[in-house]
PDB file of N, CA and C in Angstrom:
ATOM      1  N   UNK A   1      31.606  59.057  32.916  1.00  0.00           N
ATOM      2  CA  UNK A   1      31.578  60.488  32.748  1.00  0.00           C
ATOM      3  C   UNK A   1      30.134  60.970  32.911  1.00  0.00           C
ATOM      4  N   UNK A   2      29.962  62.043  33.657  1.00  0.00           N
ATOM      5  CA  UNK A   2      28.660  62.638  33.895  1.00  0.00           C
ATOM      6  C   UNK A   2      28.272  63.508  32.707  1.00  0.00           C
ATOM      7  N   UNK A   3      27.073  63.266  32.148  1.00  0.00           N
ATOM      8  CA  UNK A   3      26.581  64.092  31.046  1.00  0.00           C
ATOM      9  C   UNK A   3      25.184  64.598  31.404  1.00  0.00           C
ATOM     10  N   UNK A   4      24.847  65.782  30.904  1.00  0.00           N
ATOM     11  CA  UNK A   4      23.520  66.349  31.152  1.00  0.00           C
ATOM     12  C   UNK A   4      22.475  65.595  30.344  1.00  0.00           C
ATOM     13  N   UNK A   5      21.317  65.428  30.935  1.00  0.00           N
ATOM     14  CA  UNK A   5      20.195  64.793  30.272  1.00  0.00           C
ATOM     15  C   UNK A   5      19.749  65.631  29.081  1.00  0.00           C
ATOM     16  N   UNK A   6      19.424  64.967  27.988  1.00  0.00           N
ATOM     17  CA  UNK A   6      18.851  65.599  26.811  1.00  0.00           C
ATOM     18  C   UNK A   6      17.600  64.808  26.423  1.00  0.00           C
ATOM     19  N   UNK A   7      16.641  65.491  25.824  1.00  0.00           N
ATOM     20  CA  UNK A   7      15.355  64.884  25.454  1.00  0.00           C
ATOM     21  C   UNK A   7      15.539  63.605  24.631  1.00  0.00           C
ATOM     22  N   UNK A   8      16.545  63.566  23.775  1.00  0.00           N
ATOM     23  CA  UNK A   8      16.767  62.380  22.934  1.00  0.00           C
ATOM     24  C   UNK A   8      17.155  61.143  23.758  1.00  0.00           C
ATOM     25  N   UNK A   9      17.520  61.351  25.008  1.00  0.00           N
ATOM     26  CA  UNK A   9      17.897  60.242  25.896  1.00  0.00           C
ATOM     27  C   UNK A   9      16.764  59.874  26.861  1.00  0.00           C
ATOM     28  N   UNK A  10      15.558  60.344  26.558  1.00  0.00           N
ATOM     29  CA  UNK A  10      14.424  60.171  27.460  1.00  0.00           C
ATOM     30  C   UNK A  10      14.143  58.700  27.794  1.00  0.00           C
ATOM     31  N   UNK A  11      14.104  57.829  26.793  1.00  0.00           N
ATOM     32  CA  UNK A  11      13.780  56.418  27.048  1.00  0.00           C
ATOM     33  C   UNK A  11      14.834  55.746  27.919  1.00  0.00           C
ATOM     34  N   UNK A  12      16.089  56.067  27.683  1.00  0.00           N
ATOM     35  CA  UNK A  12      17.169  55.508  28.502  1.00  0.00           C
ATOM     36  C   UNK A  12      17.038  56.000  29.934  1.00  0.00           C
ATOM     37  N   UNK A  13      16.800  57.307  30.095  1.00  0.00           N
ATOM     38  CA  UNK A  13      16.660  57.886  31.433  1.00  0.00           C
ATOM     39  C   UNK A  13      15.469  57.282  32.166  1.00  0.00           C
ATOM     40  N   UNK A  14      14.350  57.131  31.456  1.00  0.00           N
ATOM     41  CA  UNK A  14      13.169  56.539  32.094  1.00  0.00           C
ATOM     42  C   UNK A  14      13.437  55.089  32.495  1.00  0.00           C
ATOM     43  N   UNK A  15      14.146  54.361  31.649  1.00  0.00           N
ATOM     44  CA  UNK A  15      14.496  52.987  31.974  1.00  0.00           C
ATOM     45  C   UNK A  15      15.333  52.897  33.232  1.00  0.00           C
ATOM     46  N   UNK A  16      16.316  53.778  33.344  1.00  0.00           N
ATOM     47  CA  UNK A  16      17.170  53.781  34.529  1.00  0.00           C
ATOM     48  C   UNK A  16      16.393  54.219  35.768  1.00  0.00           C
ATOM     49  N   UNK A  17      15.599  55.271  35.645  1.00  0.00           N
ATOM     50  CA  UNK A  17      14.831  55.750  36.794  1.00  0.00           C
ATOM     51  C   UNK A  17      13.794  54.731  37.262  1.00  0.00           C
ATOM     52  N   UNK A  18      13.366  53.860  36.357  1.00  0.00           N
ATOM     53  CA  UNK A  18      12.373  52.857  36.740  1.00  0.00           C
ATOM     54  C   UNK A  18      12.919  51.863  37.766  1.00  0.00           C
ATOM     55  N   UNK A  19      14.227  51.822  37.948  1.00  0.00           N
ATOM     56  CA  UNK A  19      14.819  50.953  38.967  1.00  0.00           C
ATOM     57  C   UNK A  19      14.700  51.551  40.369  1.00  0.00           C
ATOM     58  N   UNK A  20      14.315  52.836  40.462  1.00  0.00           N
ATOM     59  CA  UNK A  20      14.102  53.469  41.763  1.00  0.00           C
ATOM     60  C   UNK A  20      12.784  52.935  42.336  1.00  0.00           C
ATOM     61  N   UNK A  21      12.728  52.628  43.620  1.00  0.00           N
ATOM     62  CA  UNK A  21      11.524  52.029  44.217  1.00  0.00           C
ATOM     63  C   UNK A  21      10.234  52.830  43.987  1.00  0.00           C
ATOM     64  N   UNK A  22      10.306  54.156  44.045  1.00  0.00           N
ATOM     65  CA  UNK A  22       9.099  54.977  43.914  1.00  0.00           C
ATOM     66  C   UNK A  22       8.789  55.376  42.482  1.00  0.00           C
ATOM     67  N   UNK A  23       9.537  54.870  41.526  1.00  0.00           N
ATOM     68  CA  UNK A  23       9.371  55.287  40.126  1.00  0.00           C
ATOM     69  C   UNK A  23       8.969  54.125  39.221  1.00  0.00           C
ATOM     70  N   UNK A  24       8.229  53.184  39.741  1.00  0.00           N
ATOM     71  CA  UNK A  24       7.869  51.988  38.972  1.00  0.00           C
ATOM     72  C   UNK A  24       6.772  52.236  37.936  1.00  0.00           C
ATOM     73  N   UNK A  25       5.807  53.084  38.257  1.00  0.00           N
ATOM     74  CA  UNK A  25       4.677  53.324  37.373  1.00  0.00           C
ATOM     75  C   UNK A  25       5.055  54.259  36.224  1.00  0.00           C
ATOM     76  N   UNK A  26       4.555  53.956  35.033  1.00  0.00           N
ATOM     77  CA  UNK A  26       4.892  54.748  33.837  1.00  0.00           C
ATOM     78  C   UNK A  26       4.473  56.206  34.007  1.00  0.00           C
ATOM     79  N   UNK A  27       3.278  56.438  34.533  1.00  0.00           N
ATOM     80  CA  UNK A  27       2.796  57.819  34.719  1.00  0.00           C
ATOM     81  C   UNK A  27       3.714  58.587  35.660  1.00  0.00           C
ATOM     82  N   UNK A  28       4.122  57.945  36.720  1.00  0.00           N
ATOM     83  CA  UNK A  28       5.029  58.587  37.685  1.00  0.00           C
ATOM     84  C   UNK A  28       6.368  58.908  37.010  1.00  0.00           C
ATOM     85  N   UNK A  29       6.888  57.974  36.235  1.00  0.00           N
ATOM     86  CA  UNK A  29       8.141  58.196  35.495  1.00  0.00           C
ATOM     87  C   UNK A  29       8.020  59.365  34.529  1.00  0.00           C
ATOM     88  N   UNK A  30       6.913  59.412  33.806  1.00  0.00           N
ATOM     89  CA  UNK A  30       6.698  60.506  32.857  1.00  0.00           C
ATOM     90  C   UNK A  30       6.649  61.846  33.578  1.00  0.00           C
ATOM     91  N   UNK A  31       5.981  61.889  34.721  1.00  0.00           N
ATOM     92  CA  UNK A  31       5.911  63.118  35.509  1.00  0.00           C
ATOM     93  C   UNK A  31       7.298  63.535  36.011  1.00  0.00           C
ATOM     94  N   UNK A  32       8.084  62.561  36.445  1.00  0.00           N
ATOM     95  CA  UNK A  32       9.435  62.845  36.938  1.00  0.00           C
ATOM     96  C   UNK A  32      10.306  63.405  35.819  1.00  0.00           C
ATOM     97  N   UNK A  33      10.276  62.775  34.659  1.00  0.00           N
ATOM     98  CA  UNK A  33      11.070  63.246  33.519  1.00  0.00           C
ATOM     99  C   UNK A  33      10.621  64.647  33.113  1.00  0.00           C
ATOM    100  N   UNK A  34       9.319  64.874  33.087  1.00  0.00           N
ATOM    101  CA  UNK A  34       8.802  66.200  32.724  1.00  0.00           C
ATOM    102  C   UNK A  34       9.304  67.256  33.699  1.00  0.00           C
ATOM    103  N   UNK A  35       9.336  66.904  34.976  1.00  0.00           N
ATOM    104  CA  UNK A  35       9.839  67.845  35.991  1.00  0.00           C
ATOM    105  C   UNK A  35      11.309  68.176  35.734  1.00  0.00           C
ATOM    106  N   UNK A  36      12.097  67.169  35.381  1.00  0.00           N
ATOM    107  CA  UNK A  36      13.511  67.421  35.068  1.00  0.00           C
ATOM    108  C   UNK A  36      13.654  68.289  33.820  1.00  0.00           C
ATOM    109  N   UNK A  37      12.722  68.162  32.889  1.00  0.00           N
ATOM    110  CA  UNK A  37      12.794  68.942  31.649  1.00  0.00           C
ATOM    111  C   UNK A  37      12.311  70.379  31.826  1.00  0.00           C
ATOM    112  N   UNK A  38      11.413  70.624  32.777  1.00  0.00           N
ATOM    113  CA  UNK A  38      10.788  71.948  32.882  1.00  0.00           C
ATOM    114  C   UNK A  38      11.189  72.758  34.117  1.00  0.00           C
ATOM    115  N   UNK A  39      11.628  72.114  35.169  1.00  0.00           N
ATOM    116  CA  UNK A  39      11.969  72.810  36.407  1.00  0.00           C
ATOM    117  C   UNK A  39      13.457  73.155  36.391  1.00  0.00           C
ATOM    118  N   UNK A  40      13.763  74.435  36.428  1.00  0.00           N
ATOM    119  CA  UNK A  40      15.156  74.888  36.370  1.00  0.00           C
ATOM    120  C   UNK A  40      15.990  74.417  37.560  1.00  0.00           C
ATOM    121  N   UNK A  41      15.351  74.090  38.654  1.00  0.00           N
ATOM    122  CA  UNK A  41      16.079  73.648  39.850  1.00  0.00           C
ATOM    123  C   UNK A  41      16.406  72.157  39.808  1.00  0.00           C
ATOM    124  N   UNK A  42      15.690  71.415  38.980  1.00  0.00           N
ATOM    125  CA  UNK A  42      15.909  69.977  38.873  1.00  0.00           C
ATOM    126  C   UNK A  42      16.854  69.710  37.710  1.00  0.00           C
ATOM    127  N   UNK A  43      17.920  68.967  37.974  1.00  0.00           N
ATOM    128  CA  UNK A  43      18.891  68.611  36.942  1.00  0.00           C
ATOM    129  C   UNK A  43      19.089  67.102  36.935  1.00  0.00           C
ATOM    130  N   UNK A  44      19.029  66.518  35.743  1.00  0.00           N
ATOM    131  CA  UNK A  44      19.249  65.080  35.597  1.00  0.00           C
ATOM    132  C   UNK A  44      20.530  64.863  34.817  1.00  0.00           C
ATOM    133  N   UNK A  45      21.364  63.996  35.338  1.00  0.00           N
ATOM    134  CA  UNK A  45      22.622  63.636  34.691  1.00  0.00           C
ATOM    135  C   UNK A  45      22.631  62.136  34.437  1.00  0.00           C
ATOM    136  N   UNK A  46      23.305  61.750  33.386  1.00  0.00           N
ATOM    137  CA  UNK A  46      23.476  60.332  33.066  1.00  0.00           C
ATOM    138  C   UNK A  46      24.955  60.000  33.159  1.00  0.00           C
ATOM    139  N   UNK A  47      25.250  58.746  33.467  1.00  0.00           N
ATOM    140  CA  UNK A  47      26.638  58.290  33.596  1.00  0.00           C
ATOM    141  C   UNK A  47      26.975  57.457  32.368  1.00  0.00           C
ATOM    142  N   UNK A  48      27.928  57.953  31.612  1.00  0.00           N
ATOM    143  CA  UNK A  48      28.301  57.301  30.354  1.00  0.00           C
ATOM    144  C   UNK A  48      29.711  56.725  30.466  1.00  0.00           C
ATOM    145  N   UNK A  49      29.839  55.464  30.072  1.00  0.00           N
ATOM    146  CA  UNK A  49      31.129  54.791  30.009  1.00  0.00           C
ATOM    147  C   UNK A  49      31.279  54.289  28.582  1.00  0.00           C
ATOM    148  N   UNK A  50      32.269  54.835  27.886  1.00  0.00           N
ATOM    149  CA  UNK A  50      32.444  54.584  26.460  1.00  0.00           C
ATOM    150  C   UNK A  50      31.146  54.956  25.743  1.00  0.00           C
ATOM    151  N   UNK A  51      30.441  54.015  25.146  1.00  0.00           N
ATOM    152  CA  UNK A  51      29.195  54.335  24.441  1.00  0.00           C
ATOM    153  C   UNK A  51      27.946  53.960  25.228  1.00  0.00           C
ATOM    154  N   UNK A  52      28.128  53.405  26.415  1.00  0.00           N
ATOM    155  CA  UNK A  52      26.999  52.913  27.207  1.00  0.00           C
ATOM    156  C   UNK A  52      26.616  53.889  28.315  1.00  0.00           C
ATOM    157  N   UNK A  53      25.324  54.070  28.504  1.00  0.00           N
ATOM    158  CA  UNK A  53      24.820  54.865  29.621  1.00  0.00           C
ATOM    159  C   UNK A  53      24.394  53.872  30.699  1.00  0.00           C
ATOM    160  N   UNK A  54      25.082  53.937  31.831  1.00  0.00           N
ATOM    161  CA  UNK A  54      24.917  52.918  32.870  1.00  0.00           C
ATOM    162  C   UNK A  54      24.206  53.406  34.124  1.00  0.00           C
ATOM    163  N   UNK A  55      24.020  54.716  34.260  1.00  0.00           N
ATOM    164  CA  UNK A  55      23.404  55.218  35.475  1.00  0.00           C
ATOM    165  C   UNK A  55      22.785  56.578  35.275  1.00  0.00           C
ATOM    166  N   UNK A  56      22.016  56.994  36.282  1.00  0.00           N
ATOM    167  CA  UNK A  56      21.392  58.313  36.274  1.00  0.00           C
ATOM    168  C   UNK A  56      21.408  58.862  37.694  1.00  0.00           C
ATOM    169  N   UNK A  57      21.579  60.169  37.779  1.00  0.00           N
ATOM    170  CA  UNK A  57      21.527  60.843  39.064  1.00  0.00           C
ATOM    171  C   UNK A  57      20.786  62.160  38.857  1.00  0.00           C
ATOM    172  N   UNK A  58      19.777  62.372  39.704  1.00  0.00           N
ATOM    173  CA  UNK A  58      18.976  63.579  39.610  1.00  0.00           C
ATOM    174  C   UNK A  58      19.102  64.400  40.875  1.00  0.00           C
ATOM    175  N   UNK A  59      19.204  65.712  40.694  1.00  0.00           N
ATOM    176  CA  UNK A  59      19.403  66.601  41.834  1.00  0.00           C
ATOM    177  C   UNK A  59      18.429  67.771  41.786  1.00  0.00           C
ATOM    178  N   UNK A  60      18.213  68.347  42.949  1.00  0.00           N
ATOM    179  CA  UNK A  60      17.447  69.579  43.089  1.00  0.00           C
ATOM    180  C   UNK A  60      18.436  70.615  43.614  1.00  0.00           C
ATOM    181  N   UNK A  61      18.670  71.655  42.825  1.00  0.00           N
ATOM    182  CA  UNK A  61      19.685  72.650  43.155  1.00  0.00           C
ATOM    183  C   UNK A  61      19.024  73.882  43.766  1.00  0.00           C
ATOM    184  N   UNK A  62      19.431  74.212  44.989  1.00  0.00           N
ATOM    185  CA  UNK A  62      18.959  75.422  45.655  1.00  0.00           C
ATOM    186  C   UNK A  62      20.145  76.386  45.734  1.00  0.00           C
ATOM    187  N   UNK A  63      20.211  77.284  44.768  1.00  0.00           N
ATOM    188  CA  UNK A  63      21.350  78.210  44.676  1.00  0.00           C
ATOM    189  C   UNK A  63      21.424  79.161  45.859  1.00  0.00           C
ATOM    190  N   UNK A  64      20.282  79.526  46.386  1.00  0.00           N
ATOM    191  CA  UNK A  64      20.252  80.474  47.495  1.00  0.00           C
ATOM    192  C   UNK A  64      20.915  79.905  48.749  1.00  0.00           C
ATOM    193  N   UNK A  65      20.585  78.673  49.075  1.00  0.00           N
ATOM    194  CA  UNK A  65      21.156  78.060  50.277  1.00  0.00           C
ATOM    195  C   UNK A  65      22.394  77.211  49.978  1.00  0.00           C
ATOM    196  N   UNK A  66      22.789  77.152  48.688  1.00  0.00           N
ATOM    197  CA  UNK A  66      23.976  76.386  48.279  1.00  0.00           C
ATOM    198  C   UNK A  66      23.857  74.907  48.632  1.00  0.00           C
ATOM    199  N   UNK A  67      22.651  74.363  48.409  1.00  0.00           N
ATOM    200  CA  UNK A  67      22.393  72.943  48.675  1.00  0.00           C
ATOM    201  C   UNK A  67      22.012  72.230  47.389  1.00  0.00           C
ATOM    202  N   UNK A  68      22.550  71.035  47.233  1.00  0.00           N
ATOM    203  CA  UNK A  68      22.171  70.148  46.142  1.00  0.00           C
ATOM    204  C   UNK A  68      21.604  68.898  46.803  1.00  0.00           C
ATOM    205  N   UNK A  69      20.319  68.638  46.563  1.00  0.00           N
ATOM    206  CA  UNK A  69      19.674  67.466  47.141  1.00  0.00           C
ATOM    207  C   UNK A  69      19.661  66.350  46.114  1.00  0.00           C
ATOM    208  N   UNK A  70      20.249  65.243  46.481  1.00  0.00           N
ATOM    209  CA  UNK A  70      20.286  64.058  45.633  1.00  0.00           C
ATOM    210  C   UNK A  70      18.908  63.410  45.670  1.00  0.00           C
ATOM    211  N   UNK A  71      18.157  63.529  44.567  1.00  0.00           N
ATOM    212  CA  UNK A  71      16.773  63.033  44.520  1.00  0.00           C
ATOM    213  C   UNK A  71      16.686  61.612  43.999  1.00  0.00           C
ATOM    214  N   UNK A  72      17.450  61.316  42.991  1.00  0.00           N
ATOM    215  CA  UNK A  72      17.441  59.993  42.355  1.00  0.00           C
ATOM    216  C   UNK A  72      18.874  59.564  42.095  1.00  0.00           C
ATOM    217  N   UNK A  73      19.146  58.307  42.313  1.00  0.00           N
ATOM    218  CA  UNK A  73      20.422  57.736  41.891  1.00  0.00           C
ATOM    219  C   UNK A  73      20.164  56.269  41.571  1.00  0.00           C
ATOM    220  N   UNK A  74      20.559  55.872  40.379  1.00  0.00           N
ATOM    221  CA  UNK A  74      20.282  54.517  39.936  1.00  0.00           C
ATOM    222  C   UNK A  74      21.352  54.050  38.955  1.00  0.00           C
ATOM    223  N   UNK A  75      21.643  52.770  39.023  1.00  0.00           N
ATOM    224  CA  UNK A  75      22.638  52.154  38.141  1.00  0.00           C
ATOM    225  C   UNK A  75      21.991  50.926  37.513  1.00  0.00           C
ATOM    226  N   UNK A  76      22.288  50.703  36.245  1.00  0.00           N
ATOM    227  CA  UNK A  76      21.814  49.505  35.554  1.00  0.00           C
ATOM    228  C   UNK A  76      22.157  48.290  36.421  1.00  0.00           C
ATOM    229  N   UNK A  77      21.176  47.427  36.707  1.00  0.00           N
ATOM    230  CA  UNK A  77      21.428  46.289  37.604  1.00  0.00           C
ATOM    231  C   UNK A  77      22.612  45.407  37.205  1.00  0.00           C
ATOM    232  N   UNK A  78      22.889  45.279  35.925  1.00  0.00           N
ATOM    233  CA  UNK A  78      24.005  44.425  35.512  1.00  0.00           C
ATOM    234  C   UNK A  78      25.365  45.079  35.743  1.00  0.00           C
ATOM    235  N   UNK A  79      25.364  46.341  36.191  1.00  0.00           N
ATOM    236  CA  UNK A  79      26.621  47.046  36.461  1.00  0.00           C
ATOM    237  C   UNK A  79      26.707  47.540  37.905  1.00  0.00           C
ATOM    238  N   UNK A  80      25.894  46.984  38.766  1.00  0.00           N
ATOM    239  CA  UNK A  80      25.910  47.405  40.171  1.00  0.00           C
ATOM    240  C   UNK A  80      27.092  46.786  40.904  1.00  0.00           C
ATOM    241  N   UNK A  81      27.411  47.377  42.039  1.00  0.00           N
ATOM    242  CA  UNK A  81      28.512  46.949  42.911  1.00  0.00           C
ATOM    243  C   UNK A  81      29.871  47.093  42.243  1.00  0.00           C
ATOM    244  N   UNK A  82      29.979  48.038  41.318  1.00  0.00           N
ATOM    245  CA  UNK A  82      31.248  48.328  40.652  1.00  0.00           C
ATOM    246  C   UNK A  82      31.747  49.736  40.986  1.00  0.00           C
ATOM    247  N   UNK A  83      31.037  50.417  41.886  1.00  0.00           N
ATOM    248  CA  UNK A  83      31.441  51.758  42.288  1.00  0.00           C
ATOM    249  C   UNK A  83      30.900  52.875  41.409  1.00  0.00           C
ATOM    250  N   UNK A  84      30.002  52.560  40.482  1.00  0.00           N
ATOM    251  CA  UNK A  84      29.473  53.581  39.576  1.00  0.00           C
ATOM    252  C   UNK A  84      28.651  54.622  40.337  1.00  0.00           C
ATOM    253  N   UNK A  85      27.801  54.177  41.242  1.00  0.00           N
ATOM    254  CA  UNK A  85      26.990  55.109  42.028  1.00  0.00           C
ATOM    255  C   UNK A  85      27.852  56.070  42.817  1.00  0.00           C
ATOM    256  N   UNK A  86      28.874  55.540  43.436  1.00  0.00           N
ATOM    257  CA  UNK A  86      29.802  56.372  44.217  1.00  0.00           C
ATOM    258  C   UNK A  86      30.508  57.380  43.309  1.00  0.00           C
ATOM    259  N   UNK A  87      30.894  56.945  42.111  1.00  0.00           N
ATOM    260  CA  UNK A  87      31.532  57.855  41.152  1.00  0.00           C
ATOM    261  C   UNK A  87      30.570  58.953  40.711  1.00  0.00           C
ATOM    262  N   UNK A  88      29.296  58.598  40.547  1.00  0.00           N
ATOM    263  CA  UNK A  88      28.312  59.610  40.161  1.00  0.00           C
ATOM    264  C   UNK A  88      28.147  60.659  41.261  1.00  0.00           C
ATOM    265  N   UNK A  89      28.091  60.224  42.511  1.00  0.00           N
ATOM    266  CA  UNK A  89      27.975  61.158  43.637  1.00  0.00           C
ATOM    267  C   UNK A  89      29.200  62.082  43.665  1.00  0.00           C
ATOM    268  N   UNK A  90      30.379  61.515  43.488  1.00  0.00           N
ATOM    269  CA  UNK A  90      31.603  62.316  43.474  1.00  0.00           C
ATOM    270  C   UNK A  90      31.578  63.320  42.322  1.00  0.00           C
ATOM    271  N   UNK A  91      31.101  62.898  41.159  1.00  0.00           N
ATOM    272  CA  UNK A  91      31.030  63.786  39.996  1.00  0.00           C
ATOM    273  C   UNK A  91      30.050  64.936  40.241  1.00  0.00           C
ATOM    274  N   UNK A  92      28.944  64.653  40.923  1.00  0.00           N
ATOM    275  CA  UNK A  92      27.993  65.718  41.266  1.00  0.00           C
ATOM    276  C   UNK A  92      28.658  66.719  42.204  1.00  0.00           C
ATOM    277  N   UNK A  93      29.398  66.223  43.182  1.00  0.00           N
ATOM    278  CA  UNK A  93      30.106  67.114  44.112  1.00  0.00           C
ATOM    279  C   UNK A  93      31.112  67.993  43.368  1.00  0.00           C
ATOM    280  N   UNK A  94      31.774  67.430  42.371  1.00  0.00           N
ATOM    281  CA  UNK A  94      32.734  68.199  41.576  1.00  0.00           C
ATOM    282  C   UNK A  94      32.021  69.184  40.642  1.00  0.00           C
ATOM    283  N   UNK A  95      30.840  68.825  40.167  1.00  0.00           N
ATOM    284  CA  UNK A  95      30.058  69.686  39.276  1.00  0.00           C
ATOM    285  C   UNK A  95      29.548  70.920  40.026  1.00  0.00           C
ATOM    286  N   UNK A  96      29.241  70.738  41.311  1.00  0.00           N
ATOM    287  CA  UNK A  96      28.756  71.817  42.178  1.00  0.00           C
ATOM    288  C   UNK A  96      29.743  72.003  43.333  1.00  0.00           C
ATOM    289  N   UNK A  97      30.953  72.494  43.060  1.00  0.00           N
ATOM    290  CA  UNK A  97      31.997  72.509  44.089  1.00  0.00           C
ATOM    291  C   UNK A  97      31.703  73.386  45.311  1.00  0.00           C
ATOM    292  N   UNK A  98      30.918  74.431  45.163  1.00  0.00           N
ATOM    293  CA  UNK A  98      30.664  75.316  46.304  1.00  0.00           C
ATOM    294  C   UNK A  98      29.336  75.004  47.003  1.00  0.00           C
ATOM    295  N   UNK A  99      28.744  73.860  46.664  1.00  0.00           N
ATOM    296  CA  UNK A  99      27.468  73.453  47.246  1.00  0.00           C
ATOM    297  C   UNK A  99      27.663  72.248  48.161  1.00  0.00           C
ATOM    298  N   UNK A 100      26.769  72.136  49.129  1.00  0.00           N
ATOM    299  CA  UNK A 100      26.740  70.949  49.978  1.00  0.00           C
ATOM    300  C   UNK A 100      25.764  69.955  49.354  1.00  0.00           C
ATOM    301  N   UNK A 101      26.191  68.717  49.186  1.00  0.00           N
ATOM    302  CA  UNK A 101      25.333  67.675  48.626  1.00  0.00           C
ATOM    303  C   UNK A 101      24.694  66.909  49.783  1.00  0.00           C
ATOM    304  N   UNK A 102      23.366  66.805  49.733  1.00  0.00           N
ATOM    305  CA  UNK A 102      22.635  66.114  50.788  1.00  0.00           C
ATOM    306  C   UNK A 102      21.640  65.142  50.165  1.00  0.00           C
ATOM    307  N   UNK A 103      21.249  64.116  50.906  1.00  0.00           N
ATOM    308  CA  UNK A 103      20.277  63.154  50.374  1.00  0.00           C
ATOM    309  C   UNK A 103      18.843  63.592  50.654  1.00  0.00           C
ATOM    310  N   UNK A 104      17.911  62.940  49.974  1.00  0.00           N
ATOM    311  CA  UNK A 104      16.512  62.996  50.384  1.00  0.00           C
ATOM    312  C   UNK A 104      16.212  61.637  51.025  1.00  0.00           C
ATOM    313  N   UNK A 105      14.949  61.372  51.332  1.00  0.00           N
ATOM    314  CA  UNK A 105      14.607  60.103  51.991  1.00  0.00           C
ATOM    315  C   UNK A 105      14.968  58.890  51.141  1.00  0.00           C
ATOM    316  N   UNK A 106      14.804  59.002  49.814  1.00  0.00           N
ATOM    317  CA  UNK A 106      15.074  57.870  48.916  1.00  0.00           C
ATOM    318  C   UNK A 106      16.567  57.578  48.772  1.00  0.00           C
ATOM    319  N   UNK A 107      17.395  58.605  48.862  1.00  0.00           N
ATOM    320  CA  UNK A 107      18.824  58.419  48.579  1.00  0.00           C
ATOM    321  C   UNK A 107      19.697  58.401  49.828  1.00  0.00           C
ATOM    322  N   UNK A 108      19.091  58.564  50.988  1.00  0.00           N
ATOM    323  CA  UNK A 108      19.865  58.658  52.228  1.00  0.00           C
ATOM    324  C   UNK A 108      20.709  57.416  52.512  1.00  0.00           C
ATOM    325  N   UNK A 109      20.110  56.235  52.383  1.00  0.00           N
ATOM    326  CA  UNK A 109      20.858  55.002  52.661  1.00  0.00           C
ATOM    327  C   UNK A 109      22.062  54.871  51.737  1.00  0.00           C
ATOM    328  N   UNK A 110      21.856  55.184  50.457  1.00  0.00           N
ATOM    329  CA  UNK A 110      22.955  55.049  49.502  1.00  0.00           C
ATOM    330  C   UNK A 110      24.071  56.033  49.818  1.00  0.00           C
ATOM    331  N   UNK A 111      23.714  57.292  50.110  1.00  0.00           N
ATOM    332  CA  UNK A 111      24.744  58.293  50.409  1.00  0.00           C
ATOM    333  C   UNK A 111      25.509  57.917  51.677  1.00  0.00           C
ATOM    334  N   UNK A 112      24.816  57.372  52.684  1.00  0.00           N
ATOM    335  CA  UNK A 112      25.499  56.899  53.891  1.00  0.00           C
ATOM    336  C   UNK A 112      26.471  55.771  53.563  1.00  0.00           C
ATOM    337  N   UNK A 113      26.063  54.880  52.676  1.00  0.00           N
ATOM    338  CA  UNK A 113      26.922  53.765  52.256  1.00  0.00           C
ATOM    339  C   UNK A 113      28.181  54.294  51.549  1.00  0.00           C
ATOM    340  N   UNK A 114      28.015  55.340  50.751  1.00  0.00           N
ATOM    341  CA  UNK A 114      29.158  55.943  50.048  1.00  0.00           C
ATOM    342  C   UNK A 114      30.170  56.512  51.045  1.00  0.00           C
ATOM    343  N   UNK A 115      29.684  57.108  52.107  1.00  0.00           N
ATOM    344  CA  UNK A 115      30.569  57.712  53.108  1.00  0.00           C
ATOM    345  C   UNK A 115      31.359  56.651  53.867  1.00  0.00           C
ATOM    346  N   UNK A 116      30.762  55.456  54.047  1.00  0.00           N
ATOM    347  CA  UNK A 116      31.398  54.399  54.810  1.00  0.00           C
ATOM    348  C   UNK A 116      32.492  53.669  54.041  1.00  0.00           C
ATOM    349  N   UNK A 117      32.345  53.619  52.723  1.00  0.00           N
ATOM    350  CA  UNK A 117      33.333  52.831  51.961  1.00  0.00           C
ATOM    351  C   UNK A 117      34.401  53.695  51.364  1.00  0.00           C
TER     352      UNK A 117
END
């Protein structure tokens, strides 16, 4: 289930985002989380299954052009290849039904993989 990021989940979100190739450094992670907390266009969602948070997906919402850019998508390594990432992408599409979801450079390969399977 897709849930909105809350400040109390900061450490979990940072842990998940640290699996993204460009988010390895602590300072970079802190800046990314701060952007999600302060920028109204940036939205971070977490994927919760029962009591466990297994993934994160971050988007940049452009209401004017009706575009949602998938900025970050990550799944706990011990739960990969189970379709969680694909479910998160689908949940984002359902959350923003009148928007087109598109990748950025970091998420393009994953989104292409989702379309193929």
